Amino acid sequence: MHHLLIALASSPAPSPSLRPGISEDQVTPGLLGFLLTAFIVVLTALLIVDMVRRIRRVRYRAQVEEDRMAAAEAADIAHDDAADGNAGRTDT
């Protein structure tokens, strides 16, 4: 098995070349390919920035809502404690 791998690895690989009648300009992406790729990269970067901004906004809204609910619960507990303290008292 090793002899076969060594034989395959040592055989010279043909160097790539163009077929006759084809120029290098016909097989490269050219300016249009570069511009399209650059446009996709810039668009992807803008989408990522927008997504991060939206996720951050949702996270902040959830945090504010959680703080508001905690404050409302604390106010309810304080109100209930004050009501329980006044219920035992009679002013007659």
Protein backbone atom coordinates (compact mmCIF):
# COMPACT_ATOMS: atom_id res chain seq x y z
CA MET A 1 0.00 0.00 0.00
CA HIS A 2 2.79 2.38 0.93
CA HIS A 3 4.62 1.61 -2.30
CA LEU A 4 1.55 2.61 -4.30
CA LEU A 5 1.22 5.92 -2.43
CA ILE A 6 4.91 6.66 -2.90
CA ALA A 7 4.66 5.88 -6.63
CA LEU A 8 1.63 8.13 -7.03
CA ALA A 9 3.21 10.96 -5.06
CA SER A 10 6.48 10.84 -6.96
CA SER A 11 4.94 10.94 -10.43
CA PRO A 12 5.26 14.43 -11.92
CA ALA A 13 1.97 16.30 -12.10
CA PRO A 14 1.23 18.04 -15.36
CA SER A 15 1.41 21.81 -15.10
CA PRO A 16 -1.89 23.52 -15.82
CA SER A 17 -2.05 25.44 -19.05
CA LEU A 18 -4.73 26.98 -21.22
CA ARG A 19 -6.15 25.17 -24.18
CA PRO A 20 -5.13 26.55 -27.52
CA GLY A 21 -7.39 29.39 -28.66
CA ILE A 22 -8.33 30.57 -25.15
CA SER A 23 -6.77 33.70 -23.67
CA GLU A 24 -6.33 34.40 -19.98
CA ASP A 25 -8.96 37.18 -20.14
CA GLN A 26 -11.61 34.62 -21.04
CA VAL A 27 -11.15 32.55 -17.88
CA THR A 28 -10.70 35.23 -15.18
CA PRO A 29 -13.60 36.98 -13.47
CA GLY A 30 -12.32 40.39 -14.48
CA LEU A 31 -13.51 43.76 -13.22
CA LEU A 32 -17.18 42.80 -13.10
CA GLY A 33 -16.45 39.78 -10.92
CA PHE A 34 -14.35 41.87 -8.56
CA LEU A 35 -17.01 44.59 -8.27
CA LEU A 36 -19.77 42.06 -7.66
CA THR A 37 -17.72 40.32 -4.97
CA ALA A 38 -16.85 43.65 -3.31
CA PHE A 39 -20.55 44.64 -3.36
CA ILE A 40 -21.55 41.37 -1.68
CA VAL A 41 -18.85 41.80 0.99
CA VAL A 42 -19.93 45.39 1.76
CA LEU A 43 -23.61 44.39 1.83
CA THR A 44 -22.87 41.50 4.19
CA ALA A 45 -20.90 43.78 6.53
CA LEU A 46 -23.77 46.30 6.61
CA LEU A 47 -26.29 43.54 7.32
CA ILE A 48 -24.15 42.26 10.20
CA VAL A 49 -23.87 45.75 11.71
CA ASP A 50 -27.64 46.24 11.41
CA MET A 51 -28.33 42.84 12.97
CA VAL A 52 -26.02 43.57 15.92
CA ARG A 53 -27.75 46.92 16.45
CA ARG A 54 -31.21 45.31 16.44
CA ILE A 55 -30.16 42.53 18.82
CA ARG A 56 -28.64 45.08 21.19
CA ARG A 57 -31.86 47.14 21.10
CA VAL A 58 -34.00 44.09 21.92
CA ARG A 59 -31.66 43.15 24.76
CA TYR A 60 -31.86 46.67 26.24
CA ARG A 61 -35.65 46.70 25.95
CA ALA A 62 -35.87 43.36 27.74
CA GLN A 63 -33.57 44.64 30.49
CA VAL A 64 -35.65 47.81 30.96
CA GLU A 65 -38.85 45.75 31.06
CA GLU A 66 -37.32 43.42 33.64
CA ASP A 67 -36.23 46.37 35.80
CA ARG A 68 -39.70 47.92 35.49
CA MET A 69 -41.37 44.67 36.57
CA ALA A 70 -38.98 44.33 39.54
CA ALA A 71 -39.75 47.91 40.60
CA ALA A 72 -43.50 47.27 40.30
CA GLU A 73 -43.19 44.12 42.42
CA ALA A 74 -41.19 46.02 45.04
CA ALA A 75 -43.83 48.76 45.10
CA ASP A 76 -46.60 46.18 45.50
CA ILE A 77 -44.77 44.51 48.38
CA ALA A 78 -44.17 47.87 50.06
CA HIS A 79 -47.83 48.82 49.58
CA ASP A 80 -49.00 45.47 51.02
CA ASP A 81 -46.68 45.85 54.03
CA ALA A 82 -47.96 49.36 54.67
CA ALA A 83 -51.57 48.18 54.39
CA ASP A 84 -50.91 45.32 56.84
CA GLY A 85 -49.34 47.76 59.32
CA ASN A 86 -52.35 50.13 59.19
CA ALA A 87 -54.92 47.32 59.47
CA GLY A 88 -53.88 46.45 63.06
CA ARG A 89 -54.25 50.05 64.26
CA THR A 90 -57.49 51.64 65.46
CA ASP A 91 -57.78 55.38 66.07
CA THR A 92 -60.85 55.62 68.32
